[in-house]
């Protein structure tokens, strides 16, 4: 599949630039009834995120492409179909290859939407 379907890319769900830890990515967010969020991101170029940590767990699935996640100094390579659980409070960065699409499930509110 060459990208996320149009219904996922609805502008009302687009993640605000101020909520991104990585430049030059496109993201969309969906909220769970329990306060969790699911975010879907596409990287158009090779990028590395700023180091950060969350106050809730994160679950990452690589849908297409590849990335390297560094968790408190330990590098983990992921390719399409692989998944990773990141416990809350873990310092992390992610290097993504151009064209990579990922799904992130957060145990709390991680992203704000861009206002139309």
PDB file of N, CA and C in Angstrom:
ATOM      1  N   UNK A   1       0.860  -1.180   0.000  1.00  0.00           N
ATOM      2  CA  UNK A   1       0.000   0.000   0.000  1.00  0.00           C
ATOM      3  C   UNK A   1       0.901   1.236   0.000  1.00  0.00           C
ATOM      4  N   UNK A   2       0.627   2.187  -0.845  1.00  0.00           N
ATOM      5  CA  UNK A   2       1.505   3.351  -1.002  1.00  0.00           C
ATOM      6  C   UNK A   2       1.337   4.440   0.056  1.00  0.00           C
ATOM      7  N   UNK A   3       0.577   4.228   1.066  1.00  0.00           N
ATOM      8  CA  UNK A   3       0.362   5.232   2.110  1.00  0.00           C
ATOM      9  C   UNK A   3      -0.914   4.921   2.859  1.00  0.00           C
ATOM     10  N   UNK A   4      -1.200   5.706   3.864  1.00  0.00           N
ATOM     11  CA  UNK A   4      -2.424   5.484   4.622  1.00  0.00           C
ATOM     12  C   UNK A   4      -3.643   5.887   3.788  1.00  0.00           C
ATOM     13  N   UNK A   5      -4.772   5.186   3.960  1.00  0.00           N
ATOM     14  CA  UNK A   5      -5.990   5.532   3.228  1.00  0.00           C
ATOM     15  C   UNK A   5      -6.456   6.955   3.550  1.00  0.00           C
ATOM     16  N   UNK A   6      -7.240   7.518   2.644  1.00  0.00           N
ATOM     17  CA  UNK A   6      -7.704   8.905   2.778  1.00  0.00           C
ATOM     18  C   UNK A   6      -8.464   9.152   4.075  1.00  0.00           C
ATOM     19  N   UNK A   7      -9.270   8.190   4.540  1.00  0.00           N
ATOM     20  CA  UNK A   7     -10.038   8.435   5.762  1.00  0.00           C
ATOM     21  C   UNK A   7      -9.137   8.598   6.980  1.00  0.00           C
ATOM     22  N   UNK A   8      -7.967   7.973   6.974  1.00  0.00           N
ATOM     23  CA  UNK A   8      -7.003   8.161   8.069  1.00  0.00           C
ATOM     24  C   UNK A   8      -6.368   9.540   7.967  1.00  0.00           C
ATOM     25  N   UNK A   9      -6.125  10.006   6.745  1.00  0.00           N
ATOM     26  CA  UNK A   9      -5.464  11.289   6.522  1.00  0.00           C
ATOM     27  C   UNK A   9      -6.431  12.473   6.557  1.00  0.00           C
ATOM     28  N   UNK A  10      -7.541  12.321   7.225  1.00  0.00           N
ATOM     29  CA  UNK A  10      -8.510  13.411   7.373  1.00  0.00           C
ATOM     30  C   UNK A  10      -7.818  14.585   8.065  1.00  0.00           C
ATOM     31  N   UNK A  11      -7.872  15.785   7.503  1.00  0.00           N
ATOM     32  CA  UNK A  11      -7.199  16.948   8.100  1.00  0.00           C
ATOM     33  C   UNK A  11      -7.605  17.221   9.553  1.00  0.00           C
ATOM     34  N   UNK A  12      -8.788  16.795   9.961  1.00  0.00           N
ATOM     35  CA  UNK A  12      -9.227  17.016  11.345  1.00  0.00           C
ATOM     36  C   UNK A  12      -8.424  16.188  12.344  1.00  0.00           C
ATOM     37  N   UNK A  13      -7.737  15.150  11.872  1.00  0.00           N
ATOM     38  CA  UNK A  13      -6.936  14.286  12.739  1.00  0.00           C
ATOM     39  C   UNK A  13      -5.437  14.529  12.609  1.00  0.00           C
ATOM     40  N   UNK A  14      -5.034  15.508  11.817  1.00  0.00           N
ATOM     41  CA  UNK A  14      -3.605  15.778  11.598  1.00  0.00           C
ATOM     42  C   UNK A  14      -2.946  16.264  12.888  1.00  0.00           C
ATOM     43  N   UNK A  15      -1.779  15.715  13.188  1.00  0.00           N
ATOM     44  CA  UNK A  15      -1.038  16.086  14.395  1.00  0.00           C
ATOM     45  C   UNK A  15      -0.350  17.429  14.176  1.00  0.00           C
ATOM     46  N   UNK A  16      -0.487  18.306  15.152  1.00  0.00           N
ATOM     47  CA  UNK A  16       0.123  19.636  15.093  1.00  0.00           C
ATOM     48  C   UNK A  16       1.646  19.528  15.073  1.00  0.00           C
ATOM     49  N   UNK A  17       2.283  20.401  14.332  1.00  0.00           N
ATOM     50  CA  UNK A  17       3.745  20.445  14.266  1.00  0.00           C
ATOM     51  C   UNK A  17       4.348  20.574  15.655  1.00  0.00           C
ATOM     52  N   UNK A  18       3.707  21.327  16.533  1.00  0.00           N
ATOM     53  CA  UNK A  18       4.218  21.525  17.898  1.00  0.00           C
ATOM     54  C   UNK A  18       4.195  20.239  18.725  1.00  0.00           C
ATOM     55  N   UNK A  19       3.460  19.227  18.288  1.00  0.00           N
ATOM     56  CA  UNK A  19       3.399  17.943  18.992  1.00  0.00           C
ATOM     57  C   UNK A  19       4.352  16.907  18.406  1.00  0.00           C
ATOM     58  N   UNK A  20       5.174  17.293  17.436  1.00  0.00           N
ATOM     59  CA  UNK A  20       6.092  16.357  16.784  1.00  0.00           C
ATOM     60  C   UNK A  20       7.474  16.447  17.430  1.00  0.00           C
ATOM     61  N   UNK A  21       8.122  15.297  17.595  1.00  0.00           N
ATOM     62  CA  UNK A  21       9.508  15.258  18.057  1.00  0.00           C
ATOM     63  C   UNK A  21      10.471  15.110  16.881  1.00  0.00           C
ATOM     64  N   UNK A  22       9.919  14.980  15.676  1.00  0.00           N
ATOM     65  CA  UNK A  22      10.710  14.781  14.468  1.00  0.00           C
ATOM     66  C   UNK A  22      10.225  15.746  13.394  1.00  0.00           C
ATOM     67  N   UNK A  23      11.161  16.420  12.731  1.00  0.00           N
ATOM     68  CA  UNK A  23      10.790  17.300  11.626  1.00  0.00           C
ATOM     69  C   UNK A  23      10.429  16.475  10.394  1.00  0.00           C
ATOM     70  N   UNK A  24       9.658  17.058   9.518  1.00  0.00           N
ATOM     71  CA  UNK A  24       9.380  16.501   8.199  1.00  0.00           C
ATOM     72  C   UNK A  24       8.652  15.154   8.244  1.00  0.00           C
ATOM     73  N   UNK A  25       7.721  15.004   9.196  1.00  0.00           N
ATOM     74  CA  UNK A  25       6.876  13.821   9.211  1.00  0.00           C
ATOM     75  C   UNK A  25       5.417  14.259   9.198  1.00  0.00           C
ATOM     76  N   UNK A  26       4.579  13.364   8.742  1.00  0.00           N
ATOM     77  CA  UNK A  26       3.141  13.620   8.686  1.00  0.00           C
ATOM     78  C   UNK A  26       2.470  12.628   9.626  1.00  0.00           C
ATOM     79  N   UNK A  27       1.635  13.131  10.537  1.00  0.00           N
ATOM     80  CA  UNK A  27       0.999  12.245  11.495  1.00  0.00           C
ATOM     81  C   UNK A  27      -0.468  12.541  11.702  1.00  0.00           C
ATOM     82  N   UNK A  28      -1.192  11.498  12.085  1.00  0.00           N
ATOM     83  CA  UNK A  28      -2.626  11.594  12.363  1.00  0.00           C
ATOM     84  C   UNK A  28      -2.901  10.861  13.659  1.00  0.00           C
ATOM     85  N   UNK A  29      -3.818  11.403  14.474  1.00  0.00           N
ATOM     86  CA  UNK A  29      -4.052  10.855  15.806  1.00  0.00           C
ATOM     87  C   UNK A  29      -5.527  10.524  16.007  1.00  0.00           C
ATOM     88  N   UNK A  30      -5.761   9.467  16.791  1.00  0.00           N
ATOM     89  CA  UNK A  30      -7.104   9.002  17.127  1.00  0.00           C
ATOM     90  C   UNK A  30      -7.143   8.725  18.621  1.00  0.00           C
ATOM     91  N   UNK A  31      -8.238   9.098  19.275  1.00  0.00           N
ATOM     92  CA  UNK A  31      -8.349   9.002  20.733  1.00  0.00           C
ATOM     93  C   UNK A  31      -9.192   7.813  21.171  1.00  0.00           C
ATOM     94  N   UNK A  32      -8.735   7.142  22.243  1.00  0.00           N
ATOM     95  CA  UNK A  32      -9.497   6.064  22.855  1.00  0.00           C
ATOM     96  C   UNK A  32     -10.352   6.600  23.993  1.00  0.00           C
ATOM     97  N   UNK A  33     -11.404   5.888  24.334  1.00  0.00           N
ATOM     98  CA  UNK A  33     -12.308   6.300  25.407  1.00  0.00           C
ATOM     99  C   UNK A  33     -11.606   6.345  26.762  1.00  0.00           C
ATOM    100  N   UNK A  34     -10.501   5.614  26.902  1.00  0.00           N
ATOM    101  CA  UNK A  34      -9.766   5.564  28.172  1.00  0.00           C
ATOM    102  C   UNK A  34      -8.662   6.610  28.265  1.00  0.00           C
ATOM    103  N   UNK A  35      -8.567   7.515  27.283  1.00  0.00           N
ATOM    104  CA  UNK A  35      -7.525   8.544  27.295  1.00  0.00           C
ATOM    105  C   UNK A  35      -6.288   8.161  26.508  1.00  0.00           C
ATOM    106  N   UNK A  36      -6.241   6.939  25.995  1.00  0.00           N
ATOM    107  CA  UNK A  36      -5.102   6.521  25.172  1.00  0.00           C
ATOM    108  C   UNK A  36      -5.213   7.151  23.785  1.00  0.00           C
ATOM    109  N   UNK A  37      -4.124   7.078  23.027  1.00  0.00           N
ATOM    110  CA  UNK A  37      -4.128   7.590  21.655  1.00  0.00           C
ATOM    111  C   UNK A  37      -3.397   6.624  20.732  1.00  0.00           C
ATOM    112  N   UNK A  38      -3.839   6.610  19.479  1.00  0.00           N
ATOM    113  CA  UNK A  38      -3.150   5.894  18.411  1.00  0.00           C
ATOM    114  C   UNK A  38      -2.704   6.952  17.409  1.00  0.00           C
ATOM    115  N   UNK A  39      -1.414   6.941  17.080  1.00  0.00           N
ATOM    116  CA  UNK A  39      -0.869   7.886  16.103  1.00  0.00           C
ATOM    117  C   UNK A  39      -0.253   7.099  14.955  1.00  0.00           C
ATOM    118  N   UNK A  40      -0.488   7.584  13.752  1.00  0.00           N
ATOM    119  CA  UNK A  40       0.068   6.981  12.547  1.00  0.00           C
ATOM    120  C   UNK A  40       0.952   8.025  11.878  1.00  0.00           C
ATOM    121  N   UNK A  41       2.228   7.666  11.647  1.00  0.00           N
ATOM    122  CA  UNK A  41       3.180   8.618  11.093  1.00  0.00           C
ATOM    123  C   UNK A  41       3.809   8.091   9.802  1.00  0.00           C
ATOM    124  N   UNK A  42       4.120   9.026   8.909  1.00  0.00           N
ATOM    125  CA  UNK A  42       4.876   8.739   7.691  1.00  0.00           C
ATOM    126  C   UNK A  42       6.039   9.719   7.628  1.00  0.00           C
ATOM    127  N   UNK A  43       7.246   9.188   7.419  1.00  0.00           N
ATOM    128  CA  UNK A  43       8.436  10.035   7.287  1.00  0.00           C
ATOM    129  C   UNK A  43       8.780  10.158   5.808  1.00  0.00           C
ATOM    130  N   UNK A  44       8.865  11.387   5.322  1.00  0.00           N
ATOM    131  CA  UNK A  44       9.181  11.582   3.903  1.00  0.00           C
ATOM    132  C   UNK A  44      10.687  11.615   3.638  1.00  0.00           C
ATOM    133  N   UNK A  45      11.488  11.803   4.680  1.00  0.00           N
ATOM    134  CA  UNK A  45      12.951  11.815   4.546  1.00  0.00           C
ATOM    135  C   UNK A  45      13.559  11.073   5.734  1.00  0.00           C
ATOM    136  N   UNK A  46      14.845  10.753   5.652  1.00  0.00           N
ATOM    137  CA  UNK A  46      15.546  10.156   6.795  1.00  0.00           C
ATOM    138  C   UNK A  46      15.581  11.187   7.915  1.00  0.00           C
ATOM    139  N   UNK A  47      15.146  10.807   9.105  1.00  0.00           N
ATOM    140  CA  UNK A  47      15.077  11.752  10.228  1.00  0.00           C
ATOM    141  C   UNK A  47      15.372  11.053  11.548  1.00  0.00           C
ATOM    142  N   UNK A  48      15.819  11.849  12.528  1.00  0.00           N
ATOM    143  CA  UNK A  48      16.032  11.370  13.895  1.00  0.00           C
ATOM    144  C   UNK A  48      15.230  12.262  14.825  1.00  0.00           C
ATOM    145  N   UNK A  49      14.476  11.650  15.718  1.00  0.00           N
ATOM    146  CA  UNK A  49      13.667  12.430  16.661  1.00  0.00           C
ATOM    147  C   UNK A  49      14.536  13.016  17.764  1.00  0.00           C
ATOM    148  N   UNK A  50      13.996  14.030  18.399  1.00  0.00           N
ATOM    149  CA  UNK A  50      14.636  14.579  19.593  1.00  0.00           C
ATOM    150  C   UNK A  50      14.499  13.551  20.713  1.00  0.00           C
ATOM    151  N   UNK A  51      15.474  13.527  21.625  1.00  0.00           N
ATOM    152  CA  UNK A  51      15.356  12.626  22.767  1.00  0.00           C
ATOM    153  C   UNK A  51      14.183  13.076  23.627  1.00  0.00           C
ATOM    154  N   UNK A  52      13.412  12.105  24.098  1.00  0.00           N
ATOM    155  CA  UNK A  52      12.237  12.413  24.904  1.00  0.00           C
ATOM    156  C   UNK A  52      11.818  11.178  25.701  1.00  0.00           C
ATOM    157  N   UNK A  53      10.872  11.363  26.596  1.00  0.00           N
ATOM    158  CA  UNK A  53      10.262  10.270  27.362  1.00  0.00           C
ATOM    159  C   UNK A  53       8.792  10.616  27.544  1.00  0.00           C
ATOM    160  N   UNK A  54       7.982   9.602  27.806  1.00  0.00           N
ATOM    161  CA  UNK A  54       6.551   9.808  28.021  1.00  0.00           C
ATOM    162  C   UNK A  54       6.172   9.374  29.435  1.00  0.00           C
ATOM    163  N   UNK A  55       5.080   9.930  29.936  1.00  0.00           N
ATOM    164  CA  UNK A  55       4.553   9.564  31.251  1.00  0.00           C
ATOM    165  C   UNK A  55       3.622   8.362  31.160  1.00  0.00           C
ATOM    166  N   UNK A  56       3.662   7.648  30.049  1.00  0.00           N
ATOM    167  CA  UNK A  56       2.801   6.490  29.811  1.00  0.00           C
ATOM    168  C   UNK A  56       3.530   5.552  28.851  1.00  0.00           C
ATOM    169  N   UNK A  57       3.104   4.304  28.804  1.00  0.00           N
ATOM    170  CA  UNK A  57       3.710   3.328  27.907  1.00  0.00           C
ATOM    171  C   UNK A  57       3.451   3.695  26.445  1.00  0.00           C
ATOM    172  N   UNK A  58       4.326   3.180  25.586  1.00  0.00           N
ATOM    173  CA  UNK A  58       4.182   3.356  24.141  1.00  0.00           C
ATOM    174  C   UNK A  58       4.402   2.001  23.473  1.00  0.00           C
ATOM    175  N   UNK A  59       3.594   1.699  22.478  1.00  0.00           N
ATOM    176  CA  UNK A  59       3.709   0.476  21.691  1.00  0.00           C
ATOM    177  C   UNK A  59       3.886   0.905  20.235  1.00  0.00           C
ATOM    178  N   UNK A  60       4.955   0.438  19.594  1.00  0.00           N
ATOM    179  CA  UNK A  60       5.296   0.850  18.229  1.00  0.00           C
ATOM    180  C   UNK A  60       5.235  -0.358  17.299  1.00  0.00           C
ATOM    181  N   UNK A  61       4.611  -0.180  16.136  1.00  0.00           N
ATOM    182  CA  UNK A  61       4.610  -1.191  15.080  1.00  0.00           C
ATOM    183  C   UNK A  61       5.092  -0.514  13.798  1.00  0.00           C
ATOM    184  N   UNK A  62       6.084  -1.109  13.150  1.00  0.00           N
ATOM    185  CA  UNK A  62       6.541  -0.596  11.860  1.00  0.00           C
ATOM    186  C   UNK A  62       5.665  -1.233  10.781  1.00  0.00           C
ATOM    187  N   UNK A  63       4.958  -0.404  10.051  1.00  0.00           N
ATOM    188  CA  UNK A  63       4.056  -0.872   9.002  1.00  0.00           C
ATOM    189  C   UNK A  63       4.811  -1.052   7.691  1.00  0.00           C
ATOM    190  N   UNK A  64       5.678  -0.103   7.385  1.00  0.00           N
ATOM    191  CA  UNK A  64       6.454  -0.129   6.143  1.00  0.00           C
ATOM    192  C   UNK A  64       7.774   0.577   6.403  1.00  0.00           C
ATOM    193  N   UNK A  65       8.867   0.060   5.826  1.00  0.00           N
ATOM    194  CA  UNK A  65      10.159   0.706   5.992  1.00  0.00           C
ATOM    195  C   UNK A  65      10.923   0.174   7.190  1.00  0.00           C
ATOM    196  N   UNK A  66      11.745   1.048   7.773  1.00  0.00           N
ATOM    197  CA  UNK A  66      12.581   0.634   8.901  1.00  0.00           C
ATOM    198  C   UNK A  66      12.910   1.824   9.787  1.00  0.00           C
ATOM    199  N   UNK A  67      13.274   1.495  11.014  1.00  0.00           N
ATOM    200  CA  UNK A  67      13.699   2.525  11.958  1.00  0.00           C
ATOM    201  C   UNK A  67      14.613   1.896  12.998  1.00  0.00           C
ATOM    202  N   UNK A  68      15.318   2.742  13.705  1.00  0.00           N
ATOM    203  CA  UNK A  68      16.154   2.310  14.820  1.00  0.00           C
ATOM    204  C   UNK A  68      15.723   3.119  16.031  1.00  0.00           C
ATOM    205  N   UNK A  69      15.353   2.417  17.081  1.00  0.00           N
ATOM    206  CA  UNK A  69      14.940   3.065  18.319  1.00  0.00           C
ATOM    207  C   UNK A  69      16.090   2.931  19.305  1.00  0.00           C
ATOM    208  N   UNK A  70      16.462   4.030  19.938  1.00  0.00           N
ATOM    209  CA  UNK A  70      17.498   3.996  20.967  1.00  0.00           C
ATOM    210  C   UNK A  70      16.808   4.255  22.295  1.00  0.00           C
ATOM    211  N   UNK A  71      16.828   3.235  23.154  1.00  0.00           N
ATOM    212  CA  UNK A  71      16.208   3.316  24.476  1.00  0.00           C
ATOM    213  C   UNK A  71      17.300   3.384  25.523  1.00  0.00           C
ATOM    214  N   UNK A  72      17.494   4.562  26.082  1.00  0.00           N
ATOM    215  CA  UNK A  72      18.510   4.771  27.121  1.00  0.00           C
ATOM    216  C   UNK A  72      19.849   4.165  26.720  1.00  0.00           C
ATOM    217  N   UNK A  73      20.254   4.431  25.460  1.00  0.00           N
ATOM    218  CA  UNK A  73      21.557   4.002  24.967  1.00  0.00           C
ATOM    219  C   UNK A  73      21.571   2.665  24.246  1.00  0.00           C
ATOM    220  N   UNK A  74      20.497   1.888  24.302  1.00  0.00           N
ATOM    221  CA  UNK A  74      20.439   0.576  23.648  1.00  0.00           C
ATOM    222  C   UNK A  74      19.706   0.711  22.315  1.00  0.00           C
ATOM    223  N   UNK A  75      20.377   0.360  21.211  1.00  0.00           N
ATOM    224  CA  UNK A  75      19.809   0.514  19.860  1.00  0.00           C
ATOM    225  C   UNK A  75      19.058  -0.752  19.450  1.00  0.00           C
ATOM    226  N   UNK A  76      17.824  -0.565  18.966  1.00  0.00           N
ATOM    227  CA  UNK A  76      16.983  -1.672  18.521  1.00  0.00           C
ATOM    228  C   UNK A  76      16.534  -1.372  17.093  1.00  0.00           C
ATOM    229  N   UNK A  77      16.904  -2.236  16.160  1.00  0.00           N
ATOM    230  CA  UNK A  77      16.529  -2.075  14.752  1.00  0.00           C
ATOM    231  C   UNK A  77      15.175  -2.744  14.521  1.00  0.00           C
ATOM    232  N   UNK A  78      14.273  -2.032  13.853  1.00  0.00           N
ATOM    233  CA  UNK A  78      12.950  -2.573  13.538  1.00  0.00           C
ATOM    234  C   UNK A  78      12.681  -2.436  12.046  1.00  0.00           C
ATOM    235  N   UNK A  79      12.044  -3.452  11.466  1.00  0.00           N
ATOM    236  CA  UNK A  79      11.607  -3.412  10.070  1.00  0.00           C
ATOM    237  C   UNK A  79      10.115  -3.715  10.027  1.00  0.00           C
ATOM    238  N   UNK A  80       9.529  -3.580   8.845  1.00  0.00           N
ATOM    239  CA  UNK A  80       8.091  -3.789   8.681  1.00  0.00           C
ATOM    240  C   UNK A  80       7.646  -5.100   9.330  1.00  0.00           C
ATOM    241  N   UNK A  81       6.581  -5.000  10.108  1.00  0.00           N
ATOM    242  CA  UNK A  81       6.020  -6.159  10.793  1.00  0.00           C
ATOM    243  C   UNK A  81       6.522  -6.350  12.213  1.00  0.00           C
ATOM    244  N   UNK A  82       7.557  -5.624  12.608  1.00  0.00           N
ATOM    245  CA  UNK A  82       8.084  -5.774  13.964  1.00  0.00           C
ATOM    246  C   UNK A  82       7.470  -4.741  14.898  1.00  0.00           C
ATOM    247  N   UNK A  83       7.471  -5.071  16.176  1.00  0.00           N
ATOM    248  CA  UNK A  83       6.842  -4.238  17.193  1.00  0.00           C
ATOM    249  C   UNK A  83       7.755  -4.080  18.397  1.00  0.00           C
ATOM    250  N   UNK A  84       7.463  -3.063  19.199  1.00  0.00           N
ATOM    251  CA  UNK A  84       8.278  -2.772  20.377  1.00  0.00           C
ATOM    252  C   UNK A  84       7.415  -2.099  21.433  1.00  0.00           C
ATOM    253  N   UNK A  85       7.562  -2.545  22.676  1.00  0.00           N
ATOM    254  CA  UNK A  85       6.899  -1.896  23.811  1.00  0.00           C
ATOM    255  C   UNK A  85       7.940  -1.039  24.525  1.00  0.00           C
ATOM    256  N   UNK A  86       7.611   0.233  24.747  1.00  0.00           N
ATOM    257  CA  UNK A  86       8.514   1.158  25.436  1.00  0.00           C
ATOM    258  C   UNK A  86       7.846   1.555  26.750  1.00  0.00           C
ATOM    259  N   UNK A  87       8.395   1.122  27.893  1.00  0.00           N
ATOM    260  CA  UNK A  87       7.787   1.463  29.185  1.00  0.00           C
ATOM    261  C   UNK A  87       7.818   2.964  29.465  1.00  0.00           C
ATOM    262  N   UNK A  88       6.843   3.433  30.205  1.00  0.00           N
ATOM    263  CA  UNK A  88       6.773   4.859  30.541  1.00  0.00           C
ATOM    264  C   UNK A  88       8.058   5.299  31.223  1.00  0.00           C
ATOM    265  N   UNK A  89       8.444   6.554  30.963  1.00  0.00           N
ATOM    266  CA  UNK A  89       9.637   7.126  31.573  1.00  0.00           C
ATOM    267  C   UNK A  89      10.945   6.777  30.885  1.00  0.00           C
ATOM    268  N   UNK A  90      10.915   5.934  29.848  1.00  0.00           N
ATOM    269  CA  UNK A  90      12.135   5.513  29.154  1.00  0.00           C
ATOM    270  C   UNK A  90      12.601   6.610  28.188  1.00  0.00           C
ATOM    271  N   UNK A  91      13.851   7.067  28.332  1.00  0.00           N
ATOM    272  CA  UNK A  91      14.426   8.054  27.409  1.00  0.00           C
ATOM    273  C   UNK A  91      14.608   7.374  26.057  1.00  0.00           C
ATOM    274  N   UNK A  92      14.208   8.057  24.978  1.00  0.00           N
ATOM    275  CA  UNK A  92      14.222   7.423  23.668  1.00  0.00           C
ATOM    276  C   UNK A  92      14.456   8.420  22.544  1.00  0.00           C
ATOM    277  N   UNK A  93      15.024   7.906  21.458  1.00  0.00           N
ATOM    278  CA  UNK A  93      15.065   8.602  20.175  1.00  0.00           C
ATOM    279  C   UNK A  93      14.723   7.559  19.116  1.00  0.00           C
ATOM    280  N   UNK A  94      14.306   8.034  17.946  1.00  0.00           N
ATOM    281  CA  UNK A  94      13.995   7.119  16.850  1.00  0.00           C
ATOM    282  C   UNK A  94      14.544   7.693  15.556  1.00  0.00           C
ATOM    283  N   UNK A  95      15.336   6.890  14.855  1.00  0.00           N
ATOM    284  CA  UNK A  95      15.834   7.253  13.529  1.00  0.00           C
ATOM    285  C   UNK A  95      14.988   6.496  12.517  1.00  0.00           C
ATOM    286  N   UNK A  96      14.314   7.228  11.635  1.00  0.00           N
ATOM    287  CA  UNK A  96      13.440   6.593  10.645  1.00  0.00           C
ATOM    288  C   UNK A  96      13.978   6.828   9.239  1.00  0.00           C
ATOM    289  N   UNK A  97      13.827   5.815   8.399  1.00  0.00           N
ATOM    290  CA  UNK A  97      14.228   5.932   6.996  1.00  0.00           C
ATOM    291  C   UNK A  97      13.094   6.572   6.204  1.00  0.00           C
ATOM    292  N   UNK A  98      13.441   7.272   5.149  1.00  0.00           N
ATOM    293  CA  UNK A  98      12.439   7.893   4.275  1.00  0.00           C
ATOM    294  C   UNK A  98      11.425   6.847   3.826  1.00  0.00           C
ATOM    295  N   UNK A  99      10.145   7.217   3.850  1.00  0.00           N
ATOM    296  CA  UNK A  99       9.081   6.322   3.429  1.00  0.00           C
ATOM    297  C   UNK A  99       8.563   5.399   4.513  1.00  0.00           C
ATOM    298  N   UNK A 100       9.143   5.474   5.696  1.00  0.00           N
ATOM    299  CA  UNK A 100       8.707   4.604   6.788  1.00  0.00           C
ATOM    300  C   UNK A 100       7.359   5.056   7.330  1.00  0.00           C
ATOM    301  N   UNK A 101       6.484   4.072   7.550  1.00  0.00           N
ATOM    302  CA  UNK A 101       5.185   4.329   8.177  1.00  0.00           C
ATOM    303  C   UNK A 101       5.123   3.524   9.467  1.00  0.00           C
ATOM    304  N   UNK A 102       4.717   4.176  10.547  1.00  0.00           N
ATOM    305  CA  UNK A 102       4.639   3.521  11.850  1.00  0.00           C
ATOM    306  C   UNK A 102       3.301   3.803  12.521  1.00  0.00           C
ATOM    307  N   UNK A 103       2.931   2.896  13.419  1.00  0.00           N
ATOM    308  CA  UNK A 103       1.768   3.093  14.274  1.00  0.00           C
ATOM    309  C   UNK A 103       2.269   3.086  15.713  1.00  0.00           C
ATOM    310  N   UNK A 104       1.834   4.076  16.485  1.00  0.00           N
ATOM    311  CA  UNK A 104       2.216   4.189  17.890  1.00  0.00           C
ATOM    312  C   UNK A 104       0.936   4.235  18.721  1.00  0.00           C
ATOM    313  N   UNK A 105       0.873   3.383  19.729  1.00  0.00           N
ATOM    314  CA  UNK A 105      -0.255   3.409  20.654  1.00  0.00           C
ATOM    315  C   UNK A 105       0.295   3.896  21.987  1.00  0.00           C
ATOM    316  N   UNK A 106      -0.298   4.944  22.511  1.00  0.00           N
ATOM    317  CA  UNK A 106       0.159   5.569  23.753  1.00  0.00           C
ATOM    318  C   UNK A 106      -0.866   5.332  24.853  1.00  0.00           C
ATOM    319  N   UNK A 107      -0.387   5.058  26.053  1.00  0.00           N
ATOM    320  CA  UNK A 107      -1.262   4.848  27.202  1.00  0.00           C
ATOM    321  C   UNK A 107      -1.765   6.141  27.806  1.00  0.00           C
ATOM    322  N   UNK A 108      -1.651   7.236  27.100  1.00  0.00           N
ATOM    323  CA  UNK A 108      -2.106   8.553  27.547  1.00  0.00           C
ATOM    324  C   UNK A 108      -2.168   9.490  26.360  1.00  0.00           C
ATOM    325  N   UNK A 109      -2.513  10.742  26.627  1.00  0.00           N
ATOM    326  CA  UNK A 109      -2.625  11.724  25.547  1.00  0.00           C
ATOM    327  C   UNK A 109      -1.237  12.225  25.167  1.00  0.00           C
ATOM    328  N   UNK A 110      -0.806  11.920  23.950  1.00  0.00           N
ATOM    329  CA  UNK A 110       0.529  12.266  23.461  1.00  0.00           C
ATOM    330  C   UNK A 110       0.517  13.438  22.476  1.00  0.00           C
ATOM    331  N   UNK A 111      -0.493  13.491  21.606  1.00  0.00           N
ATOM    332  CA  UNK A 111      -0.451  14.447  20.496  1.00  0.00           C
ATOM    333  C   UNK A 111      -1.671  15.353  20.469  1.00  0.00           C
ATOM    334  N   UNK A 112      -1.430  16.580  20.027  1.00  0.00           N
ATOM    335  CA  UNK A 112      -2.513  17.540  19.799  1.00  0.00           C
ATOM    336  C   UNK A 112      -2.746  17.655  18.306  1.00  0.00           C
ATOM    337  N   UNK A 113      -3.969  17.975  17.949  1.00  0.00           N
ATOM    338  CA  UNK A 113      -4.315  18.135  16.542  1.00  0.00           C
ATOM    339  C   UNK A 113      -4.005  19.550  16.066  1.00  0.00           C
ATOM    340  N   UNK A 114      -3.742  19.644  14.763  1.00  0.00           N
ATOM    341  CA  UNK A 114      -3.579  20.939  14.128  1.00  0.00           C
ATOM    342  C   UNK A 114      -4.970  21.547  13.959  1.00  0.00           C
ATOM    343  N   UNK A 115      -5.114  22.800  14.274  1.00  0.00           N
ATOM    344  CA  UNK A 115      -6.418  23.444  14.122  1.00  0.00           C
ATOM    345  C   UNK A 115      -6.640  23.815  12.669  1.00  0.00           C
ATOM    346  N   UNK A 116      -7.837  23.490  12.132  1.00  0.00           N
ATOM    347  CA  UNK A 116      -8.104  23.800  10.715  1.00  0.00           C
ATOM    348  C   UNK A 116      -8.216  25.289  10.471  1.00  0.00           C
TER     349      UNK A 116
END
